[in-house]
C-alpha cells in the first residue's frame, strides 16, 4: 500500500526493485498532511517509537542528551544541532531510525540558527521524555 512508499524504502514493481532515496518538498508535505496513510511522516508516530525505546532502556535518553550536547552548534548546550550530527547522536545513543522517520523529526523540529538549518534538539528531548 501507500505506506510502503517512503524515503529509504525498497519496493518491488513488476519484478524490479527500486530504492526510494529522496522525496521532493511536495511529496514530503503530502505525506505529512496524510499521517494516517504515511505513519513514518507523522511526528507523533516517530516520537512514540523513540519513547518506547526509552521505556525499554531508560539510559538511552541520557546517552542521547550527552551525544546531542557534544553536537551542539552553540557549544554551550544552546539546543541546536545540524542535521548530520543530530543523526549521528541518535545512532550513538542506539536509536536507529530509517531515513523517513529521521527526515520527519528533522522537519518537525527544524529551526534556523545563525542562518544554518538545524534541529531544536532540546525540543526533541522534551518530546521524547513527555509522557503520553
N, C-alpha and C. Protein backbone atom coordinates (compact mmCIF):
# COMPACT_ATOMS: atom_id res chain seq x y z
N UNK A 1 0.80 -1.19 0.00
CA UNK A 1 0.00 0.00 0.00
C UNK A 1 0.85 1.26 0.00
N UNK A 2 0.20 2.37 0.12
CA UNK A 2 0.87 3.67 0.09
C UNK A 2 1.90 3.81 1.21
N UNK A 3 1.63 3.20 2.36
CA UNK A 3 2.56 3.31 3.49
C UNK A 3 3.91 2.66 3.20
N UNK A 4 3.98 1.85 2.15
CA UNK A 4 5.24 1.21 1.78
C UNK A 4 6.17 2.16 1.03
N UNK A 5 5.65 3.33 0.66
CA UNK A 5 6.44 4.30 -0.10
C UNK A 5 6.90 5.41 0.84
N UNK A 6 8.18 5.39 1.14
CA UNK A 6 8.79 6.40 1.99
C UNK A 6 10.28 6.45 1.67
N UNK A 7 10.92 7.52 2.05
CA UNK A 7 12.34 7.67 1.80
C UNK A 7 13.10 6.57 2.53
N UNK A 8 13.91 5.85 1.77
CA UNK A 8 14.67 4.75 2.33
C UNK A 8 14.05 3.38 2.06
N UNK A 9 12.83 3.38 1.55
CA UNK A 9 12.14 2.10 1.29
C UNK A 9 12.68 1.45 0.02
N UNK A 10 12.51 0.16 -0.03
CA UNK A 10 12.77 -0.61 -1.25
C UNK A 10 11.44 -1.24 -1.64
N UNK A 11 11.05 -0.97 -2.88
CA UNK A 11 9.78 -1.51 -3.36
C UNK A 11 10.02 -2.30 -4.64
N UNK A 12 9.22 -3.33 -4.82
CA UNK A 12 9.34 -4.18 -6.00
C UNK A 12 8.10 -3.95 -6.86
N UNK A 13 8.35 -3.58 -8.11
CA UNK A 13 7.28 -3.36 -9.09
C UNK A 13 7.62 -4.12 -10.36
N UNK A 14 6.71 -4.96 -10.78
CA UNK A 14 6.91 -5.75 -12.00
C UNK A 14 8.25 -6.48 -12.01
N UNK A 15 8.64 -7.01 -10.87
CA UNK A 15 9.87 -7.78 -10.79
C UNK A 15 11.13 -6.95 -10.65
N UNK A 16 11.00 -5.64 -10.62
CA UNK A 16 12.16 -4.76 -10.47
C UNK A 16 12.13 -4.13 -9.08
N UNK A 17 13.28 -4.10 -8.44
CA UNK A 17 13.37 -3.47 -7.12
C UNK A 17 13.87 -2.04 -7.27
N UNK A 18 13.18 -1.14 -6.60
CA UNK A 18 13.54 0.27 -6.62
C UNK A 18 13.85 0.73 -5.20
N UNK A 19 14.87 1.54 -5.07
CA UNK A 19 15.19 2.16 -3.79
C UNK A 19 14.71 3.60 -3.84
N UNK A 20 13.88 3.97 -2.89
CA UNK A 20 13.38 5.34 -2.82
C UNK A 20 14.33 6.12 -1.92
N UNK A 21 15.16 6.93 -2.51
CA UNK A 21 16.19 7.58 -1.72
C UNK A 21 15.98 9.07 -1.52
N UNK A 22 14.95 9.63 -2.13
CA UNK A 22 14.74 11.06 -1.97
C UNK A 22 13.29 11.39 -2.30
N UNK A 23 12.78 12.43 -1.69
CA UNK A 23 11.43 12.92 -2.00
C UNK A 23 11.49 14.44 -2.08
N UNK A 24 10.70 14.98 -2.97
CA UNK A 24 10.68 16.44 -3.10
C UNK A 24 9.79 17.05 -2.02
N UNK A 25 9.81 18.36 -1.93
CA UNK A 25 9.06 19.08 -0.89
C UNK A 25 7.56 18.78 -0.97
N UNK A 26 7.02 18.76 -2.17
CA UNK A 26 5.59 18.49 -2.34
C UNK A 26 5.24 17.11 -1.77
N UNK A 27 6.05 16.12 -2.09
CA UNK A 27 5.79 14.75 -1.63
C UNK A 27 5.90 14.66 -0.11
N UNK A 28 6.93 15.26 0.46
CA UNK A 28 7.08 15.23 1.91
C UNK A 28 5.90 15.92 2.59
N UNK A 29 5.51 17.07 2.06
CA UNK A 29 4.37 17.80 2.64
C UNK A 29 3.08 16.99 2.51
N UNK A 30 2.91 16.31 1.38
CA UNK A 30 1.72 15.48 1.18
C UNK A 30 1.69 14.35 2.20
N UNK A 31 2.82 13.69 2.39
CA UNK A 31 2.87 12.58 3.35
C UNK A 31 2.61 13.09 4.77
N UNK A 32 3.15 14.25 5.10
CA UNK A 32 2.92 14.81 6.43
C UNK A 32 1.46 15.22 6.62
N UNK A 33 0.81 15.63 5.55
CA UNK A 33 -0.60 16.03 5.63
C UNK A 33 -1.53 14.83 5.72
N UNK A 34 -1.01 13.63 5.44
CA UNK A 34 -1.81 12.40 5.48
C UNK A 34 -1.13 11.35 6.36
N UNK A 35 -0.98 11.66 7.66
CA UNK A 35 -0.27 10.74 8.54
C UNK A 35 -0.97 9.40 8.73
N UNK A 36 -2.27 9.36 8.48
CA UNK A 36 -2.99 8.09 8.59
C UNK A 36 -2.57 7.12 7.49
N UNK A 37 -2.12 7.65 6.36
CA UNK A 37 -1.67 6.82 5.25
C UNK A 37 -0.16 6.60 5.31
N UNK A 38 0.57 7.61 5.78
CA UNK A 38 2.04 7.57 5.82
C UNK A 38 2.52 7.76 7.26
N UNK A 39 2.44 6.72 8.08
CA UNK A 39 2.77 6.87 9.51
C UNK A 39 4.21 7.33 9.77
N UNK A 40 5.14 6.98 8.91
CA UNK A 40 6.53 7.40 9.15
C UNK A 40 6.74 8.89 8.91
N UNK A 41 5.72 9.56 8.39
CA UNK A 41 5.77 11.01 8.22
C UNK A 41 4.98 11.72 9.31
N UNK A 42 4.57 10.98 10.32
CA UNK A 42 3.81 11.52 11.44
C UNK A 42 4.77 11.70 12.62
N UNK A 43 5.05 12.93 13.02
CA UNK A 43 5.99 13.15 14.12
C UNK A 43 5.61 12.40 15.40
N UNK A 44 4.32 12.34 15.71
CA UNK A 44 3.91 11.64 16.93
C UNK A 44 4.19 10.14 16.85
N UNK A 45 4.01 9.56 15.68
CA UNK A 45 4.34 8.14 15.49
C UNK A 45 5.83 7.92 15.74
N UNK A 46 6.66 8.78 15.16
CA UNK A 46 8.11 8.64 15.32
C UNK A 46 8.50 8.85 16.78
N UNK A 47 7.93 9.87 17.41
CA UNK A 47 8.23 10.13 18.82
C UNK A 47 7.77 8.97 19.70
N UNK A 48 6.64 8.38 19.39
CA UNK A 48 6.17 7.22 20.16
C UNK A 48 7.14 6.06 20.04
N UNK A 49 7.70 5.87 18.85
CA UNK A 49 8.71 4.81 18.66
C UNK A 49 9.93 5.09 19.54
N UNK A 50 10.36 6.33 19.59
CA UNK A 50 11.51 6.70 20.42
C UNK A 50 11.16 6.55 21.90
N UNK A 51 9.95 6.93 22.28
CA UNK A 51 9.52 6.78 23.68
C UNK A 51 9.51 5.31 24.09
N UNK A 52 9.06 4.45 23.20
CA UNK A 52 9.05 3.02 23.50
C UNK A 52 10.46 2.49 23.71
N UNK A 53 11.39 2.98 22.89
CA UNK A 53 12.79 2.56 23.04
C UNK A 53 13.34 3.03 24.38
N UNK A 54 12.97 4.25 24.79
CA UNK A 54 13.43 4.78 26.08
C UNK A 54 12.77 4.03 27.23
N UNK A 55 11.50 3.68 27.08
CA UNK A 55 10.82 2.92 28.13
C UNK A 55 11.49 1.56 28.34
N UNK A 56 11.94 0.96 27.25
CA UNK A 56 12.61 -0.34 27.33
C UNK A 56 14.03 -0.21 27.86
N UNK A 57 14.65 0.93 27.60
CA UNK A 57 16.04 1.14 28.00
C UNK A 57 16.23 2.62 28.37
N UNK A 58 15.86 3.00 29.61
CA UNK A 58 15.87 4.42 30.01
C UNK A 58 17.21 5.13 29.85
N UNK A 59 18.31 4.43 29.94
CA UNK A 59 19.62 5.07 29.81
C UNK A 59 19.83 5.68 28.43
N UNK A 60 19.05 5.23 27.46
CA UNK A 60 19.20 5.77 26.10
C UNK A 60 18.95 7.28 26.06
N UNK A 61 18.02 7.76 26.86
CA UNK A 61 17.71 9.18 26.85
C UNK A 61 18.91 9.99 27.36
N UNK A 62 19.57 9.52 28.41
CA UNK A 62 20.76 10.20 28.92
C UNK A 62 21.88 10.16 27.89
N UNK A 63 22.04 9.02 27.23
CA UNK A 63 23.07 8.90 26.20
C UNK A 63 22.79 9.86 25.05
N UNK A 64 21.52 9.97 24.67
CA UNK A 64 21.15 10.88 23.60
C UNK A 64 21.42 12.32 24.00
N UNK A 65 21.06 12.68 25.22
CA UNK A 65 21.29 14.05 25.68
C UNK A 65 22.78 14.38 25.66
N UNK A 66 23.62 13.45 26.11
CA UNK A 66 25.06 13.68 26.11
C UNK A 66 25.60 13.80 24.68
N UNK A 67 25.15 12.93 23.80
CA UNK A 67 25.62 12.97 22.41
C UNK A 67 25.16 14.25 21.72
N UNK A 68 23.95 14.69 22.00
CA UNK A 68 23.46 15.93 21.40
C UNK A 68 24.19 17.14 21.97
N UNK A 69 24.53 17.08 23.24
CA UNK A 69 25.31 18.17 23.83
C UNK A 69 26.64 18.33 23.12
N UNK A 70 27.25 17.22 22.74
CA UNK A 70 28.52 17.27 22.02
C UNK A 70 28.34 17.81 20.60
N UNK A 71 27.14 17.65 20.04
CA UNK A 71 26.86 18.10 18.67
C UNK A 71 26.31 19.52 18.62
N UNK A 72 26.16 20.14 19.77
CA UNK A 72 25.52 21.45 19.87
C UNK A 72 26.25 22.51 19.05
N UNK A 73 25.50 23.27 18.29
CA UNK A 73 26.07 24.34 17.47
C UNK A 73 26.65 25.46 18.32
N UNK A 74 26.00 25.73 19.44
CA UNK A 74 26.43 26.83 20.29
C UNK A 74 27.58 26.47 21.20
N UNK A 75 27.83 25.19 21.37
CA UNK A 75 28.92 24.76 22.22
C UNK A 75 28.61 24.82 23.70
N UNK A 76 27.54 25.48 24.07
CA UNK A 76 27.18 25.60 25.48
C UNK A 76 25.75 25.12 25.70
N UNK A 77 25.42 24.03 25.05
CA UNK A 77 24.09 23.44 25.14
C UNK A 77 23.01 24.45 24.77
N UNK A 78 23.22 25.10 23.63
CA UNK A 78 22.22 26.03 23.12
C UNK A 78 20.96 25.31 22.70
N UNK A 79 21.11 24.03 22.34
CA UNK A 79 19.95 23.24 21.98
C UNK A 79 19.75 23.04 20.50
N UNK A 80 20.73 23.42 19.69
CA UNK A 80 20.59 23.30 18.25
C UNK A 80 21.74 22.49 17.67
N UNK A 81 21.41 21.58 16.77
CA UNK A 81 22.44 20.77 16.11
C UNK A 81 22.11 20.68 14.63
N UNK A 82 23.14 20.65 13.81
CA UNK A 82 22.94 20.43 12.38
C UNK A 82 22.43 19.02 12.17
N UNK A 83 21.95 18.78 10.96
CA UNK A 83 21.28 17.51 10.67
C UNK A 83 22.18 16.29 10.83
N UNK A 84 23.36 16.32 10.25
CA UNK A 84 24.23 15.14 10.31
C UNK A 84 24.65 14.81 11.74
N UNK A 85 25.09 15.80 12.53
CA UNK A 85 25.41 15.48 13.93
C UNK A 85 24.19 15.02 14.73
N UNK A 86 23.02 15.53 14.39
CA UNK A 86 21.79 15.07 15.05
C UNK A 86 21.57 13.59 14.77
N UNK A 87 21.71 13.22 13.51
CA UNK A 87 21.56 11.81 13.13
C UNK A 87 22.62 10.96 13.81
N UNK A 88 23.85 11.44 13.84
CA UNK A 88 24.94 10.69 14.48
C UNK A 88 24.69 10.52 15.97
N UNK A 89 24.15 11.55 16.61
CA UNK A 89 23.85 11.46 18.05
C UNK A 89 22.77 10.41 18.31
N UNK A 90 21.75 10.38 17.47
CA UNK A 90 20.71 9.35 17.61
C UNK A 90 21.31 7.96 17.48
N UNK A 91 22.15 7.78 16.48
CA UNK A 91 22.79 6.47 16.28
C UNK A 91 23.69 6.11 17.45
N UNK A 92 24.47 7.08 17.91
CA UNK A 92 25.38 6.85 19.03
C UNK A 92 24.63 6.38 20.27
N UNK A 93 23.43 6.93 20.47
CA UNK A 93 22.63 6.57 21.64
C UNK A 93 21.81 5.29 21.42
N UNK A 94 21.95 4.70 20.24
CA UNK A 94 21.26 3.44 19.98
C UNK A 94 19.90 3.56 19.33
N UNK A 95 19.57 4.75 18.86
CA UNK A 95 18.31 4.95 18.15
C UNK A 95 18.60 4.84 16.65
N UNK A 96 18.25 3.72 16.08
CA UNK A 96 18.47 3.53 14.65
C UNK A 96 17.15 3.77 13.93
N UNK A 97 17.07 4.89 13.25
CA UNK A 97 15.85 5.25 12.53
C UNK A 97 16.05 5.06 11.04
N UNK A 98 15.00 4.62 10.37
CA UNK A 98 15.01 4.63 8.91
C UNK A 98 15.08 6.08 8.45
N UNK A 99 15.38 6.27 7.19
CA UNK A 99 15.53 7.63 6.68
C UNK A 99 14.27 8.48 6.84
N UNK A 100 13.10 7.93 6.54
CA UNK A 100 11.88 8.74 6.59
C UNK A 100 11.55 9.23 7.99
N UNK A 101 11.58 8.38 9.02
CA UNK A 101 11.33 8.92 10.36
C UNK A 101 12.35 9.98 10.78
N UNK A 102 13.58 9.81 10.36
CA UNK A 102 14.61 10.80 10.66
C UNK A 102 14.28 12.13 9.97
N UNK A 103 13.90 12.06 8.71
CA UNK A 103 13.51 13.26 7.97
C UNK A 103 12.31 13.92 8.65
N UNK A 104 11.37 13.11 9.08
CA UNK A 104 10.18 13.63 9.76
C UNK A 104 10.56 14.41 11.01
N UNK A 105 11.44 13.83 11.83
CA UNK A 105 11.88 14.52 13.04
C UNK A 105 12.60 15.82 12.70
N UNK A 106 13.50 15.75 11.73
CA UNK A 106 14.28 16.95 11.40
C UNK A 106 13.39 18.05 10.83
N UNK A 107 12.39 17.69 10.06
CA UNK A 107 11.48 18.70 9.51
C UNK A 107 10.58 19.27 10.61
N UNK A 108 10.11 18.42 11.49
CA UNK A 108 9.19 18.87 12.54
C UNK A 108 9.89 19.78 13.55
N UNK A 109 11.14 19.47 13.86
CA UNK A 109 11.89 20.24 14.85
C UNK A 109 12.92 21.17 14.21
N UNK A 110 12.71 21.48 12.95
CA UNK A 110 13.62 22.33 12.19
C UNK A 110 13.59 23.77 12.70
N UNK A 111 14.76 24.36 12.79
CA UNK A 111 14.89 25.79 13.09
C UNK A 111 16.04 26.32 12.25
N UNK A 112 16.14 27.61 12.17
CA UNK A 112 17.30 28.23 11.54
C UNK A 112 18.07 28.92 12.65
N UNK A 113 19.31 28.51 12.83
CA UNK A 113 20.17 29.05 13.89
C UNK A 113 21.40 29.65 13.23
N UNK A 114 21.60 30.95 13.39
CA UNK A 114 22.72 31.65 12.75
C UNK A 114 22.76 31.36 11.25
N UNK A 115 21.61 31.43 10.62
CA UNK A 115 21.41 31.20 9.18
C UNK A 115 21.78 29.79 8.72
N UNK A 116 21.82 28.85 9.65
CA UNK A 116 22.11 27.46 9.33
C UNK A 116 20.90 26.61 9.72
N UNK A 117 20.48 25.72 8.83
CA UNK A 117 19.39 24.81 9.17
C UNK A 117 19.84 23.86 10.27
N UNK A 118 19.00 23.69 11.26
CA UNK A 118 19.37 22.87 12.40
C UNK A 118 18.12 22.24 13.01
N UNK A 119 18.36 21.40 14.00
CA UNK A 119 17.29 20.74 14.74
C UNK A 119 17.30 21.28 16.16
N UNK A 120 16.13 21.63 16.65
CA UNK A 120 15.98 22.06 18.04
C UNK A 120 15.94 20.79 18.90
N UNK A 121 17.13 20.33 19.29
CA UNK A 121 17.16 19.03 19.97
C UNK A 121 16.67 19.09 21.40
N UNK A 122 16.66 20.26 22.01
CA UNK A 122 16.05 20.34 23.35
C UNK A 122 14.56 20.02 23.25
N UNK A 123 13.92 20.50 22.19
CA UNK A 123 12.50 20.19 21.98
C UNK A 123 12.32 18.71 21.70
N UNK A 124 13.25 18.11 20.97
CA UNK A 124 13.18 16.66 20.71
C UNK A 124 13.28 15.90 22.02
N UNK A 125 14.25 16.27 22.85
CA UNK A 125 14.42 15.58 24.14
C UNK A 125 13.18 15.73 25.02
N UNK A 126 12.62 16.94 25.05
CA UNK A 126 11.39 17.15 25.84
C UNK A 126 10.25 16.30 25.30
N UNK A 127 10.14 16.21 23.98
CA UNK A 127 9.05 15.44 23.37
C UNK A 127 9.21 13.95 23.64
N UNK A 128 10.44 13.46 23.60
CA UNK A 128 10.67 12.04 23.89
C UNK A 128 10.37 11.74 25.35
N UNK A 129 10.78 12.64 26.23
CA UNK A 129 10.60 12.43 27.66
C UNK A 129 9.15 12.61 28.10
N UNK A 130 8.34 13.29 27.29
CA UNK A 130 6.95 13.56 27.66
C UNK A 130 6.16 12.27 27.77
N UNK A 131 5.37 12.20 28.80
CA UNK A 131 4.51 11.03 28.97
C UNK A 131 3.26 11.21 28.13
N UNK A 132 2.84 10.12 27.54
CA UNK A 132 1.62 10.15 26.71
C UNK A 132 0.44 9.75 27.57
